[in-house]
Structures are given as C-alpha cells and as structure tokens.
Amino acid sequence: MRTGQAGGLRVRQAVTVLVGVIGVGLFWLLDLPLPFLFGPMMASLAAALWGVRLMGLGPVSVAARSVLGVAIGASVTPALVAKLPSMLASVAIIPFYVAAIGLVGVPFFRRFCGFDLVTAFYAAMPGGAADMTIFGAEAGANVRQVSLVHVTRLLVIMVVGPMVLVGVYGVELTHPVGQPATDIPLSELLVMAAAAIAGWKGAERAGLFGAAILGPLIVAAVLSLAGVLHMRPPREALLAAQFLIGIGIGVSYVGVTLRELRETVAGGAVFVLILAVLAGAVTEFVTLTGLAPPVEGFLAFMPGGQAEMSMLALIAGADLSFVVVHHITRIIIVLTGAPILFRLLRRRRG
C-alpha cells in the first residue's frame, strides 16, 4: 500500500474514533444509558448515514473481542461445570428455535423484500454476520443485502434488548463490568493478556470460527478451572470493548444508499421485530417451565451476536455462562447446519 493511501486510511480511522468519542461524551452529558456502547454506535451510525467516510479499526476491533473471550472464560469455574447438566433441557430447544427462525425468515425475505432464494436463506439464518456473509457469497447470494440485514439485526437488538431489560424485567444496566485495573494484581493482568493473545492466534491457526472470542474463552476457561486465573479483565478494557463494538456496528452502514435503507435495512428491521416476538415466546416458555431465570432466558434466546449478547449479560449482571452456552450452541448449529440445509433446499427446488 502506498504511503499516501496508508495515511488516508489512518485519517479516516482517526475521524471514526473521534466520532465515537463525541458519541460517548454526548450520552454521558445527557445521562443516557450505556454511553460507551450506545454513544459510539449511534454517533458512528449517524455519521455514516450522513456520508462521513468512516473506517473500522481492523485488528484493534478484533482484539476487543478477545477481551470478552477472557471475561467469559474467567467465569467458567468448577461450580459452573457442575451446573451444565441443568442447562441441557433449555439448550435442547435451540435447534427447533433456529428452524422456526428459518421457516419464518426465508419466506419473509422472498415475499416482502424480493430477495432471491440464496440471499433470503442466508439473510434469515441467525448466525454471525461475517460467517453468514461469507457462506452467502460462496453460494451466490447478494453479499451487500445479506451483510446489511445482519448488521441491522445487531443494531435493532442492541437498541431493543436493553429497553426490554429495563422496562419489562426491571434490570438496572449499571452493573460494574469489572474492577479497575489498579485493583487487579499485575500477575493476573499478565495471565489475561497471555490468554487473550495465545487463544486468539491459536484459534486462528486451527481455523476455529469466531477465533478472536472463542480462542481466548477456551484458554481462560482452562486457566480458571486450573486455579491460575481468578478475575475478569479490568473495567477499562471492557469499556474499550464496548466502545469498539459500538463503532463496528455503526461503521457497517458506510456507503448505504437511500434505496438500500428503504428496502434492505427496513426489511431487516421488520424481520428483527418478528424475531423479537418469537424470542419472547421462547423466553416465556423457558421461564414458566423453570428451565431458565427470566433475564438469563431472555438474553440466551435473543438472536444477537455472541459478543454483543455477552456484553449485555455483563452489564445486566446476568449469569454470563448460561447466556454464552446457549449462544455458542446456536452459532455451532447454524454454522454446521446452514450450508447442508441450503444444499438440500436448493436441490429440492431444482
């Protein structure tokens, strides 16, 4: 890459960070909830739709997910392992839940958004945004439409989810996500950093999906069970992760056209509201049957991204391990089953 081009990219990234910081400041001054998450998300979204040439932070944003991976892994204790069998009944619902989403989503995108079969299928699947976009591209889908639908899914869920937690479940989203770095021994910080880097890069080499979050999660969980790791990452690191996740969602709308807003983004938003009704029904079922506490059940079955739902669980003070087990199960089912199911569907359609 030429020096001028590299300098231009750095300027765009600096502008992106500045927009995010302004968003944090505005949310803080107005005393709005989750300033480090919603502030940069809304500010970068507004700037992107206004035409500002924002740009994601690349490896820095990916590294933020490794912080979440360590936070989740540190929550895996012997007491949690003893509780895993009690989660099996609610985990068993997930394949039927994913199938229901597909049965509703594919006809919705075909009929109301005019998507072709391939695009409708991968837009409806509740997997990771990046994974579904890659799978869709390989199958011949409209990559832009698939990507915008999944980013919109994350955006709407990250707005609606906290509102439901506060308004319906009475949760105060002020739970401290971690202790200040000054209160954590240096040895613990070094162990966390080693777990994040080794887990991330090791998972990448192994070709593991979601390497930046699952790799550190696995390494930190092993260290926690072995009695080596005893604490979560510091508050400052988790707030930085919120900031980068918020920016990442907003920046995804850079270059979106009015036609895309009217057709693809609006369709994706309506679909998420349909998903919210479905998720609410499943949450009510697992709550009434005693399979899950209300807040944990809600967060476990919200079809958001693994990183985003983990962050909400931390902020809400929910049982992080319960939420993460369900989301990892959903992602595994979608990533392994979606390509096979699509081939069967396409073969049946001729």
Protein backbone atom coordinates (compact mmCIF):
# COMPACT_ATOMS: atom_id res chain seq x y z
CA MET A 1 0.00 0.00 0.00
CA ARG A 2 1.34 3.44 -0.91
CA THR A 3 2.27 5.93 1.79
CA GLY A 4 -0.49 8.35 0.75
CA GLN A 5 -3.13 5.65 0.84
CA ALA A 6 -1.97 4.42 4.25
CA GLY A 7 -2.08 7.99 5.56
CA GLY A 8 -5.61 8.44 4.20
CA LEU A 9 -6.78 5.27 5.92
CA ARG A 10 -5.27 6.39 9.21
CA VAL A 11 -7.05 9.75 8.91
CA ARG A 12 -10.38 8.00 8.32
CA GLN A 13 -9.78 5.76 11.33
CA ALA A 14 -8.87 8.78 13.46
CA VAL A 15 -12.09 10.52 12.38
CA THR A 16 -14.01 7.35 13.28
CA VAL A 17 -12.51 7.28 16.78
CA LEU A 18 -13.24 10.99 17.20
CA VAL A 19 -16.89 10.48 16.19
CA GLY A 20 -17.12 7.62 18.72
CA VAL A 21 -15.63 9.74 21.50
CA ILE A 22 -18.10 12.54 20.73
CA GLY A 23 -20.91 9.98 20.99
CA VAL A 24 -19.66 8.84 24.40
CA GLY A 25 -19.44 12.44 25.58
CA LEU A 26 -22.97 13.30 24.43
CA PHE A 27 -24.50 10.22 26.04
CA TRP A 28 -22.56 10.93 29.23
CA LEU A 29 -23.66 14.58 29.41
CA LEU A 30 -27.30 13.67 28.71
CA ASP A 31 -27.15 10.87 31.30
CA LEU A 32 -28.27 8.30 28.71
CA PRO A 33 -27.76 4.56 29.32
CA LEU A 34 -24.63 2.66 28.27
CA PRO A 35 -22.64 5.67 26.99
CA PHE A 36 -19.60 3.59 25.98
CA LEU A 37 -21.73 1.27 23.85
CA PHE A 38 -24.70 3.31 22.60
CA GLY A 39 -22.77 6.59 22.29
CA PRO A 40 -20.24 5.46 19.66
CA MET A 41 -22.82 3.19 17.98
CA MET A 42 -25.36 5.97 17.41
CA ALA A 43 -22.77 8.63 16.60
CA SER A 44 -20.96 6.50 14.01
CA LEU A 45 -24.31 5.35 12.57
CA ALA A 46 -25.47 8.95 12.15
CA ALA A 47 -22.13 9.99 10.65
CA ALA A 48 -22.15 7.02 8.23
CA LEU A 49 -25.68 7.83 7.03
CA TRP A 50 -24.66 11.49 6.72
CA GLY A 51 -21.94 10.44 4.30
CA VAL A 52 -18.85 10.77 6.50
CA ARG A 53 -16.16 8.36 5.29
CA LEU A 54 -15.63 6.37 8.45
CA MET A 55 -13.49 3.25 8.64
CA GLY A 56 -13.28 0.33 11.05
CA LEU A 57 -10.21 -0.17 13.19
CA GLY A 58 -9.35 -3.62 11.84
CA PRO A 59 -7.24 -5.75 14.21
CA VAL A 60 -7.90 -3.38 17.12
CA SER A 61 -11.65 -4.11 16.88
CA VAL A 62 -10.97 -7.83 16.62
CA ALA A 63 -8.72 -7.64 19.68
CA ALA A 64 -11.62 -6.16 21.65
CA ARG A 65 -13.47 -9.44 21.21
CA SER A 66 -10.54 -11.28 22.81
CA VAL A 67 -11.14 -9.21 25.97
CA LEU A 68 -14.71 -10.51 26.05
CA GLY A 69 -13.44 -14.04 25.45
CA VAL A 70 -11.20 -13.81 28.53
CA ALA A 71 -14.05 -12.32 30.59
CA ILE A 72 -16.34 -15.21 29.66
CA GLY A 73 -13.63 -17.83 30.17
CA ALA A 74 -12.80 -16.47 33.62
CA SER A 75 -16.44 -17.13 34.57
CA VAL A 76 -16.02 -20.85 33.89
CA THR A 77 -15.47 -22.30 37.35
CA PRO A 78 -15.91 -25.79 38.84
CA ALA A 79 -19.27 -24.59 40.20
CA LEU A 80 -20.36 -23.72 36.64
CA VAL A 81 -19.27 -27.09 35.28
CA ALA A 82 -21.41 -28.75 37.94
CA LYS A 83 -24.40 -26.70 36.68
CA LEU A 84 -24.01 -27.64 32.98
CA PRO A 85 -26.36 -30.68 33.12
CA SER A 86 -29.16 -28.40 34.36
CA MET A 87 -28.84 -26.35 31.14
CA LEU A 88 -29.33 -29.29 28.77
CA ALA A 89 -33.12 -29.01 28.64
CA SER A 90 -33.09 -25.36 27.53
CA VAL A 91 -30.14 -25.96 25.16
CA ALA A 92 -32.18 -28.75 23.50
CA ILE A 93 -34.74 -26.13 22.42
CA ILE A 94 -32.21 -24.24 20.29
CA PRO A 95 -32.33 -26.48 17.14
CA PHE A 96 -36.13 -26.05 16.98
CA TYR A 97 -35.74 -22.32 17.62
CA VAL A 98 -33.26 -21.95 14.76
CA ALA A 99 -35.54 -23.97 12.45
CA ALA A 100 -38.50 -21.73 13.33
CA ILE A 101 -36.46 -18.62 12.51
CA GLY A 102 -35.57 -20.07 9.10
CA LEU A 103 -39.15 -21.10 8.33
CA VAL A 104 -40.33 -17.56 9.07
CA GLY A 105 -37.36 -15.68 7.64
CA VAL A 106 -36.87 -17.21 4.21
CA PRO A 107 -40.50 -16.63 3.04
CA PHE A 108 -40.42 -13.14 4.59
CA PHE A 109 -37.36 -12.00 2.64
CA ARG A 110 -38.57 -13.71 -0.54
CA ARG A 111 -42.05 -12.17 -0.47
CA PHE A 112 -41.66 -8.78 1.20
CA CYS A 113 -38.08 -7.84 0.26
CA GLY A 114 -37.85 -9.52 -3.13
CA PHE A 115 -34.64 -11.41 -2.30
CA ASP A 116 -33.65 -14.43 -4.36
CA LEU A 117 -33.69 -17.80 -2.58
CA VAL A 118 -29.96 -17.86 -1.76
CA THR A 119 -29.93 -14.33 -0.35
CA ALA A 120 -33.16 -14.88 1.60
CA PHE A 121 -31.79 -18.07 3.17
CA TYR A 122 -28.52 -16.59 4.43
CA ALA A 123 -30.20 -13.31 5.48
CA ALA A 124 -32.63 -15.30 7.66
CA MET A 125 -30.10 -17.60 9.36
CA PRO A 126 -29.29 -16.33 12.89
CA GLY A 127 -25.54 -16.89 12.72
CA GLY A 128 -22.63 -14.48 12.91
CA ALA A 129 -22.84 -11.58 10.46
CA ALA A 130 -19.39 -12.26 8.99
CA ASP A 131 -19.94 -16.03 8.74
CA MET A 132 -23.34 -15.75 7.04
CA THR A 133 -21.95 -13.18 4.59
CA ILE A 134 -19.06 -15.48 3.68
CA PHE A 135 -21.30 -18.54 3.31
CA GLY A 136 -23.77 -16.50 1.27
CA ALA A 137 -21.04 -15.22 -1.04
CA GLU A 138 -19.84 -18.76 -1.70
CA ALA A 139 -23.41 -19.85 -2.52
CA GLY A 140 -24.02 -16.90 -4.87
CA ALA A 141 -26.08 -14.60 -2.61
CA ASN A 142 -26.22 -10.83 -2.83
CA VAL A 143 -23.46 -10.12 -0.30
CA ARG A 144 -24.44 -6.50 0.30
CA GLN A 145 -28.04 -7.44 1.17
CA VAL A 146 -27.00 -10.29 3.47
CA SER A 147 -24.47 -8.08 5.25
CA LEU A 148 -26.89 -5.17 5.74
CA VAL A 149 -29.64 -7.45 7.09
CA HIS A 150 -27.33 -8.97 9.70
CA VAL A 151 -25.85 -5.63 10.75
CA THR A 152 -29.38 -4.27 11.09
CA ARG A 153 -30.28 -7.31 13.21
CA LEU A 154 -27.44 -6.47 15.60
CA LEU A 155 -28.31 -2.77 15.65
CA VAL A 156 -32.02 -3.27 16.43
CA ILE A 157 -31.32 -5.94 19.06
CA MET A 158 -28.74 -3.75 20.77
CA VAL A 159 -31.34 -0.97 20.97
CA VAL A 160 -34.42 -3.05 21.82
CA GLY A 161 -32.67 -5.52 24.16
CA PRO A 162 -31.66 -3.00 26.85
CA MET A 163 -35.08 -1.33 26.63
CA VAL A 164 -36.78 -4.67 27.34
CA LEU A 165 -34.36 -5.46 30.17
CA VAL A 166 -35.16 -2.16 31.85
CA GLY A 167 -38.86 -1.83 31.02
CA VAL A 168 -40.01 -5.44 31.31
CA TYR A 169 -37.56 -7.12 33.67
CA GLY A 170 -36.68 -4.09 35.81
CA VAL A 171 -32.93 -4.57 35.34
CA GLU A 172 -30.66 -1.63 36.06
CA LEU A 173 -27.93 -1.56 33.46
CA THR A 174 -25.40 -0.16 35.90
CA HIS A 175 -23.76 -3.39 37.00
CA PRO A 176 -19.98 -2.88 37.17
CA VAL A 177 -18.43 -4.87 34.32
CA GLY A 178 -15.14 -5.29 36.15
CA GLN A 179 -12.77 -3.92 38.73
CA PRO A 180 -10.42 -1.02 37.93
CA ALA A 181 -7.03 -2.10 36.60
CA THR A 182 -5.37 -0.63 39.69
CA ASP A 183 -7.23 -3.16 41.88
CA ILE A 184 -6.06 -6.19 39.89
CA PRO A 185 -2.63 -7.75 40.61
CA LEU A 186 -0.10 -7.41 37.81
CA SER A 187 0.29 -11.20 37.67
CA GLU A 188 -3.44 -11.57 36.89
CA LEU A 189 -3.23 -8.91 34.16
CA LEU A 190 -0.28 -10.72 32.56
CA VAL A 191 -2.14 -14.06 32.64
CA MET A 192 -5.17 -12.42 31.00
CA ALA A 193 -3.05 -10.82 28.28
CA ALA A 194 -1.31 -14.12 27.57
CA ALA A 195 -4.66 -15.96 27.42
CA ALA A 196 -6.08 -13.36 25.02
CA ILE A 197 -3.15 -13.40 22.60
CA ALA A 198 -2.40 -17.13 22.71
CA GLY A 199 -6.07 -18.08 22.47
CA TRP A 200 -6.82 -15.70 19.60
CA LYS A 201 -3.84 -16.61 17.43
CA GLY A 202 -4.02 -20.31 18.29
CA ALA A 203 -7.70 -20.45 17.31
CA GLU A 204 -6.94 -18.62 14.06
CA ARG A 205 -4.32 -21.21 13.13
CA ALA A 206 -6.74 -24.01 13.96
CA GLY A 207 -9.38 -22.41 11.72
CA LEU A 208 -11.88 -22.07 14.58
CA PHE A 209 -14.91 -19.85 13.84
CA GLY A 210 -15.05 -16.70 15.96
CA ALA A 211 -11.37 -17.20 16.79
CA ALA A 212 -10.92 -13.83 18.49
CA ILE A 213 -13.54 -14.60 21.14
CA LEU A 214 -13.67 -18.41 21.34
CA GLY A 215 -9.90 -18.95 21.46
CA PRO A 216 -9.32 -16.68 24.49
CA LEU A 217 -12.52 -18.08 26.03
CA ILE A 218 -11.18 -21.64 25.89
CA VAL A 219 -7.70 -20.73 27.21
CA ALA A 220 -9.11 -18.53 30.00
CA ALA A 221 -11.61 -21.25 30.97
CA VAL A 222 -8.81 -23.81 31.27
CA LEU A 223 -6.74 -21.41 33.37
CA SER A 224 -9.76 -20.60 35.56
CA LEU A 225 -10.55 -24.27 36.18
CA ALA A 226 -6.88 -24.88 36.96
CA GLY A 227 -6.91 -22.14 39.58
CA VAL A 228 -4.45 -19.91 37.69
CA LEU A 229 -6.90 -17.18 36.64
CA HIS A 230 -9.18 -15.73 39.32
CA MET A 231 -10.52 -12.41 37.96
CA ARG A 232 -12.14 -10.86 34.91
CA PRO A 233 -10.37 -8.27 32.73
CA PRO A 234 -10.29 -4.73 34.16
CA ARG A 235 -13.15 -2.29 33.75
CA GLU A 236 -11.14 -0.10 31.37
CA ALA A 237 -10.58 -2.97 28.93
CA LEU A 238 -14.26 -3.96 28.94
CA LEU A 239 -15.37 -0.35 28.40
CA ALA A 240 -12.94 -0.15 25.47
CA ALA A 241 -14.50 -3.34 24.09
CA GLN A 242 -17.96 -1.73 24.35
CA PHE A 243 -16.65 1.33 22.51
CA LEU A 244 -15.19 -0.72 19.65
CA ILE A 245 -18.26 -2.96 19.32
CA GLY A 246 -20.45 0.16 19.10
CA ILE A 247 -18.26 1.73 16.43
CA GLY A 248 -18.17 -1.53 14.47
CA ILE A 249 -21.96 -1.66 14.16
CA GLY A 250 -22.27 1.98 13.09
CA VAL A 251 -19.42 1.89 10.58
CA SER A 252 -21.08 -1.02 8.76
CA TYR A 253 -23.57 1.47 7.29
CA VAL A 254 -20.91 3.50 5.47
CA GLY A 255 -21.92 3.89 1.82
CA VAL A 256 -25.52 2.73 2.28
CA THR A 257 -27.90 4.23 -0.28
CA LEU A 258 -31.45 5.52 0.18
CA ARG A 259 -32.75 2.56 -1.82
CA GLU A 260 -30.89 0.15 0.47
CA LEU A 261 -32.29 1.95 3.52
CA ARG A 262 -35.81 1.74 2.13
CA GLU A 263 -35.67 -1.88 1.01
CA THR A 264 -32.93 -3.91 2.69
CA VAL A 265 -32.39 -2.11 6.01
CA ALA A 266 -36.11 -1.51 6.60
CA GLY A 267 -36.86 -5.15 5.76
CA GLY A 268 -34.13 -6.32 8.11
CA ALA A 269 -35.53 -4.14 10.91
CA VAL A 270 -39.05 -5.52 10.46
CA PHE A 271 -37.67 -9.07 10.47
CA VAL A 272 -35.87 -8.42 13.76
CA LEU A 273 -39.13 -7.29 15.33
CA ILE A 274 -40.68 -10.57 14.18
CA LEU A 275 -37.73 -12.39 15.73
CA ALA A 276 -38.28 -10.45 18.95
CA VAL A 277 -41.82 -11.85 19.17
CA LEU A 278 -40.51 -15.37 18.57
CA ALA A 279 -37.70 -14.90 21.10
CA GLY A 280 -40.22 -13.54 23.61
CA ALA A 281 -42.39 -16.63 23.21
CA VAL A 282 -39.43 -18.96 23.77
CA THR A 283 -38.28 -16.88 26.75
CA GLU A 284 -41.75 -17.11 28.28
CA PHE A 285 -41.75 -20.87 27.78
CA VAL A 286 -38.35 -21.50 29.42
CA THR A 287 -39.25 -19.13 32.24
CA LEU A 288 -42.65 -20.63 33.01
CA THR A 289 -41.27 -24.17 32.86
CA GLY A 290 -38.44 -23.28 35.21
CA LEU A 291 -35.74 -24.03 32.65
CA ALA A 292 -34.19 -20.57 33.00
CA PRO A 293 -34.47 -17.42 35.13
CA PRO A 294 -36.28 -14.60 33.24
CA VAL A 295 -33.31 -12.32 32.47
CA GLU A 296 -30.96 -15.18 31.55
CA GLY A 297 -33.66 -16.79 29.40
CA PHE A 298 -34.25 -13.52 27.56
CA LEU A 299 -30.56 -12.90 26.86
CA ALA A 300 -29.91 -16.56 25.94
CA PHE A 301 -32.57 -16.63 23.21
CA MET A 302 -32.18 -13.12 21.79
CA PRO A 303 -30.79 -13.72 18.26
CA GLY A 304 -27.94 -11.25 18.60
CA GLY A 305 -24.22 -11.68 18.13
CA GLN A 306 -22.23 -13.63 20.66
CA ALA A 307 -20.03 -10.67 21.58
CA GLU A 308 -22.94 -8.25 21.84
CA MET A 309 -25.08 -10.56 23.98
CA SER A 310 -22.12 -11.34 26.24
CA MET A 311 -21.57 -7.63 26.79
CA LEU A 312 -25.26 -7.11 27.63
CA ALA A 313 -25.10 -10.01 30.09
CA LEU A 314 -22.11 -8.40 31.80
CA ILE A 315 -23.82 -5.01 32.02
CA ALA A 316 -27.07 -6.55 33.30
CA GLY A 317 -25.28 -8.67 35.89
CA ALA A 318 -26.80 -11.84 34.43
CA ASP A 319 -25.36 -15.36 34.61
CA LEU A 320 -22.79 -14.93 31.85
CA SER A 321 -22.03 -18.62 31.49
CA PHE A 322 -25.70 -19.56 30.95
CA VAL A 323 -26.11 -16.94 28.23
CA VAL A 324 -22.86 -17.85 26.46
CA VAL A 325 -23.52 -21.62 26.43
CA HIS A 326 -26.79 -21.03 24.58
CA HIS A 327 -25.34 -18.60 22.06
CA ILE A 328 -22.36 -20.80 21.26
CA THR A 329 -24.75 -23.71 20.72
CA ARG A 330 -26.88 -21.60 18.34
CA ILE A 331 -23.83 -20.46 16.36
CA ILE A 332 -22.47 -24.01 16.06
CA ILE A 333 -25.85 -25.31 14.84
CA VAL A 334 -26.15 -22.54 12.25
CA LEU A 335 -22.55 -22.75 11.02
CA THR A 336 -22.61 -26.52 10.62
CA GLY A 337 -26.22 -26.93 9.54
CA ALA A 338 -26.87 -23.92 7.28
CA PRO A 339 -24.67 -24.96 4.31
CA ILE A 340 -26.03 -28.53 4.41
CA LEU A 341 -29.65 -27.39 4.74
CA PHE A 342 -29.23 -24.90 1.91
CA ARG A 343 -27.89 -27.55 -0.45
CA LEU A 344 -30.87 -29.77 0.34
CA LEU A 345 -33.27 -26.87 -0.17
CA ARG A 346 -31.73 -25.85 -3.48
CA ARG A 347 -31.70 -29.45 -4.70
CA ARG A 348 -35.38 -29.82 -3.82
CA ARG A 349 -36.19 -26.60 -5.69
CA GLY A 350 -34.35 -27.94 -8.73
